[in-house]
Structure formats: C-alpha cells, structure tokens
C-alpha cells in the first residue's frame, strides 16, 4: 500500500483546523451577525476537540516521519 504523505499532511492540517474551530468559529459567527448554524457547529465540535486535536497531532507527526524517510531514501550516499 502506497501512502501519499502530502495528503496525510494536508489531512492533519484540516483536522487541526476543525479541532481548534471551537475557539475561532464562535468569533466568526458573532462577526457575521451571530449565525446560529455556526454557533451550533462550534458547540458540537467543542465537545470532541481534545480527541480531534490529538488525532491531528498524531497525523502530523506520522506524515512528517513518512516524509522524512522518503526524503532520506532519495538522497544518495556520498
């Protein structure tokens, strides 16, 4: 199975944005005029933010390790 490290890294960044959205999504909702849909989404995400941030961190570390291994394997020894 071939793993695309770029997609893994982008996925971890998306998970990180979702995980921290409880903080910035509420401010965005107030700035946009108090959109209730955004407030409801922020409350729903806030309940599972620790898990989402943990998964995002693990995915970021995993994708960095994969990237580093591939980078080392491409460089010829001199």
N, C-alpha and C. Protein backbone atom coordinates (compact mmCIF):
# COMPACT_ATOMS: atom_id res chain seq x y z
N UNK A 1 0.84 -1.18 0.00
CA UNK A 1 0.00 0.00 0.00
C UNK A 1 0.89 1.25 0.00
N UNK A 2 0.62 2.12 -0.90
CA UNK A 2 1.41 3.33 -1.03
C UNK A 2 0.69 4.49 -0.34
N UNK A 3 1.40 5.18 0.53
CA UNK A 3 0.83 6.29 1.29
C UNK A 3 1.33 7.60 0.70
N UNK A 4 0.39 8.47 0.37
CA UNK A 4 0.75 9.79 -0.15
C UNK A 4 0.94 10.72 1.04
N UNK A 5 2.19 11.05 1.37
CA UNK A 5 2.49 11.84 2.55
C UNK A 5 1.94 13.26 2.45
N UNK A 6 1.80 13.79 1.26
CA UNK A 6 1.25 15.14 1.11
C UNK A 6 -0.22 15.18 1.52
N UNK A 7 -0.97 14.14 1.12
CA UNK A 7 -2.38 14.08 1.50
C UNK A 7 -2.52 13.87 3.00
N UNK A 8 -1.63 13.09 3.59
CA UNK A 8 -1.66 12.87 5.03
C UNK A 8 -1.39 14.15 5.80
N UNK A 9 -0.43 14.93 5.30
CA UNK A 9 -0.10 16.19 5.97
C UNK A 9 -1.24 17.19 5.84
N UNK A 10 -1.82 17.27 4.66
CA UNK A 10 -2.96 18.19 4.45
C UNK A 10 -4.14 17.75 5.31
N UNK A 11 -4.36 16.45 5.41
CA UNK A 11 -5.44 15.93 6.25
C UNK A 11 -5.22 16.26 7.72
N UNK A 12 -3.98 16.20 8.17
CA UNK A 12 -3.72 16.55 9.57
C UNK A 12 -3.92 18.04 9.82
N UNK A 13 -3.60 18.87 8.83
CA UNK A 13 -3.85 20.31 8.99
C UNK A 13 -5.35 20.61 9.03
N UNK A 14 -6.12 19.91 8.21
CA UNK A 14 -7.58 20.09 8.22
C UNK A 14 -8.14 19.64 9.57
N UNK A 15 -7.65 18.52 10.09
CA UNK A 15 -8.11 18.05 11.39
C UNK A 15 -7.75 19.03 12.50
N UNK A 16 -6.58 19.64 12.38
CA UNK A 16 -6.18 20.65 13.36
C UNK A 16 -7.09 21.87 13.30
N UNK A 17 -7.44 22.31 12.10
CA UNK A 17 -8.36 23.44 11.96
C UNK A 17 -9.73 23.12 12.54
N UNK A 18 -10.22 21.91 12.30
CA UNK A 18 -11.51 21.50 12.85
C UNK A 18 -11.43 21.41 14.37
N UNK A 19 -10.32 20.88 14.87
CA UNK A 19 -10.15 20.72 16.31
C UNK A 19 -10.09 22.04 17.06
N UNK A 20 -9.55 23.07 16.45
CA UNK A 20 -9.45 24.37 17.12
C UNK A 20 -10.59 25.31 16.74
N UNK A 21 -11.53 24.82 15.96
CA UNK A 21 -12.61 25.69 15.50
C UNK A 21 -13.54 26.13 16.62
N UNK A 22 -13.53 25.43 17.76
CA UNK A 22 -14.38 25.86 18.86
C UNK A 22 -13.97 27.25 19.35
N UNK A 23 -12.71 27.60 19.13
CA UNK A 23 -12.22 28.91 19.57
C UNK A 23 -12.52 30.00 18.55
N UNK A 24 -12.22 29.76 17.30
CA UNK A 24 -12.35 30.83 16.30
C UNK A 24 -13.70 30.83 15.60
N UNK A 25 -14.43 29.72 15.62
CA UNK A 25 -15.70 29.66 14.91
C UNK A 25 -16.77 30.51 15.60
N UNK A 26 -16.73 30.57 16.91
CA UNK A 26 -17.70 31.40 17.64
C UNK A 26 -17.47 32.87 17.33
N UNK A 27 -16.22 33.30 17.31
CA UNK A 27 -15.91 34.69 16.97
C UNK A 27 -16.35 35.01 15.54
N UNK A 28 -16.15 34.07 14.64
CA UNK A 28 -16.57 34.26 13.25
C UNK A 28 -18.09 34.39 13.17
N UNK A 29 -18.80 33.59 13.95
CA UNK A 29 -20.27 33.66 13.94
C UNK A 29 -20.76 35.01 14.45
N UNK A 30 -20.14 35.53 15.49
CA UNK A 30 -20.53 36.85 16.00
C UNK A 30 -20.19 37.93 14.99
N UNK A 31 -19.04 37.80 14.34
CA UNK A 31 -18.63 38.78 13.35
C UNK A 31 -19.57 38.78 12.16
N UNK A 32 -20.09 37.62 11.80
CA UNK A 32 -21.02 37.52 10.68
C UNK A 32 -22.47 37.84 11.07
N UNK A 33 -22.69 38.22 12.29
CA UNK A 33 -24.04 38.59 12.71
C UNK A 33 -24.71 37.54 13.57
N UNK A 34 -23.93 36.70 14.19
CA UNK A 34 -24.49 35.71 15.10
C UNK A 34 -25.20 34.57 14.38
N UNK A 35 -24.60 34.03 13.35
CA UNK A 35 -25.21 32.92 12.62
C UNK A 35 -25.36 31.72 13.54
N UNK A 36 -26.59 31.28 13.73
CA UNK A 36 -26.86 30.19 14.67
C UNK A 36 -26.31 28.85 14.18
N UNK A 37 -26.22 28.67 12.90
CA UNK A 37 -25.67 27.41 12.38
C UNK A 37 -24.20 27.29 12.77
N UNK A 38 -23.43 28.37 12.64
CA UNK A 38 -22.02 28.34 13.02
C UNK A 38 -21.85 28.15 14.52
N UNK A 39 -22.72 28.76 15.32
CA UNK A 39 -22.65 28.59 16.77
C UNK A 39 -22.95 27.15 17.16
N UNK A 40 -23.95 26.56 16.53
CA UNK A 40 -24.30 25.17 16.82
C UNK A 40 -23.15 24.24 16.43
N UNK A 41 -22.53 24.50 15.30
CA UNK A 41 -21.40 23.69 14.85
C UNK A 41 -20.22 23.82 15.82
N UNK A 42 -19.97 25.03 16.30
CA UNK A 42 -18.87 25.25 17.24
C UNK A 42 -19.12 24.51 18.54
N UNK A 43 -20.34 24.50 19.01
CA UNK A 43 -20.67 23.80 20.25
C UNK A 43 -20.50 22.29 20.07
N UNK A 44 -20.94 21.78 18.92
CA UNK A 44 -20.82 20.35 18.66
C UNK A 44 -19.36 19.92 18.56
N UNK A 45 -18.54 20.73 17.94
CA UNK A 45 -17.12 20.39 17.77
C UNK A 45 -16.37 20.55 19.09
N UNK A 46 -16.80 21.49 19.92
CA UNK A 46 -16.12 21.74 21.18
C UNK A 46 -16.15 20.51 22.09
N UNK A 47 -17.20 19.71 22.00
CA UNK A 47 -17.31 18.53 22.85
C UNK A 47 -16.25 17.48 22.53
N UNK A 48 -15.78 17.45 21.30
CA UNK A 48 -14.80 16.43 20.92
C UNK A 48 -13.47 17.04 20.48
N UNK A 49 -13.16 18.24 20.92
CA UNK A 49 -11.95 18.92 20.45
C UNK A 49 -10.66 18.25 20.91
N UNK A 50 -10.64 17.71 22.12
CA UNK A 50 -9.41 17.07 22.60
C UNK A 50 -9.07 15.87 21.73
N UNK A 51 -10.07 15.09 21.40
CA UNK A 51 -9.84 13.93 20.54
C UNK A 51 -9.39 14.37 19.15
N UNK A 52 -10.01 15.39 18.60
CA UNK A 52 -9.67 15.87 17.26
C UNK A 52 -8.26 16.44 17.23
N UNK A 53 -7.89 17.20 18.25
CA UNK A 53 -6.54 17.78 18.30
C UNK A 53 -5.50 16.67 18.47
N UNK A 54 -5.81 15.65 19.26
CA UNK A 54 -4.90 14.53 19.43
C UNK A 54 -4.69 13.78 18.11
N UNK A 55 -5.77 13.53 17.41
CA UNK A 55 -5.68 12.85 16.11
C UNK A 55 -4.90 13.71 15.12
N UNK A 56 -5.15 15.01 15.13
CA UNK A 56 -4.44 15.91 14.22
C UNK A 56 -2.94 15.92 14.51
N UNK A 57 -2.58 15.96 15.77
CA UNK A 57 -1.17 15.92 16.13
C UNK A 57 -0.51 14.61 15.73
N UNK A 58 -1.21 13.49 15.97
CA UNK A 58 -0.66 12.19 15.58
C UNK A 58 -0.49 12.08 14.07
N UNK A 59 -1.47 12.57 13.32
CA UNK A 59 -1.37 12.54 11.86
C UNK A 59 -0.23 13.43 11.36
N UNK A 60 -0.05 14.58 12.00
CA UNK A 60 1.04 15.48 11.59
C UNK A 60 2.39 14.82 11.84
N UNK A 61 2.55 14.19 13.00
CA UNK A 61 3.81 13.51 13.32
C UNK A 61 4.04 12.34 12.36
N UNK A 62 3.00 11.56 12.12
CA UNK A 62 3.10 10.41 11.22
C UNK A 62 3.47 10.84 9.80
N UNK A 63 2.83 11.88 9.29
CA UNK A 63 3.14 12.33 7.93
C UNK A 63 4.54 12.93 7.85
N UNK A 64 5.01 13.58 8.93
CA UNK A 64 6.37 14.10 8.93
C UNK A 64 7.39 12.95 8.90
N UNK A 65 7.12 11.89 9.66
CA UNK A 65 8.02 10.73 9.67
C UNK A 65 8.08 10.09 8.29
N UNK A 66 6.93 9.92 7.65
CA UNK A 66 6.90 9.36 6.30
C UNK A 66 7.66 10.25 5.33
N UNK A 67 7.44 11.54 5.42
CA UNK A 67 8.14 12.49 4.55
C UNK A 67 9.65 12.41 4.76
N UNK A 68 10.07 12.36 6.01
CA UNK A 68 11.50 12.33 6.33
C UNK A 68 12.15 11.06 5.81
N UNK A 69 11.47 9.92 5.96
CA UNK A 69 12.02 8.65 5.46
C UNK A 69 12.15 8.66 3.95
N UNK A 70 11.14 9.19 3.27
CA UNK A 70 11.22 9.24 1.80
C UNK A 70 12.31 10.20 1.34
N UNK A 71 12.47 11.29 2.05
CA UNK A 71 13.49 12.27 1.69
C UNK A 71 14.87 11.66 1.88
N UNK A 72 15.07 10.92 2.97
CA UNK A 72 16.36 10.28 3.22
C UNK A 72 16.66 9.20 2.18
N UNK A 73 15.64 8.50 1.73
CA UNK A 73 15.87 7.42 0.76
C UNK A 73 16.18 7.95 -0.63
N UNK A 74 15.82 9.18 -0.93
CA UNK A 74 16.09 9.76 -2.25
C UNK A 74 17.50 10.33 -2.35
N UNK A 75 18.09 10.71 -1.23
CA UNK A 75 19.42 11.31 -1.25
C UNK A 75 20.46 10.19 -1.32
N UNK A 76 21.28 10.17 -2.38
CA UNK A 76 22.32 9.12 -2.48
C UNK A 76 23.44 9.39 -1.48
N UNK A 77 24.02 8.32 -0.94
CA UNK A 77 25.16 8.45 -0.04
C UNK A 77 26.41 8.81 -0.82
N UNK A 78 27.17 9.75 -0.30
CA UNK A 78 28.40 10.18 -0.99
C UNK A 78 29.61 9.63 -0.31
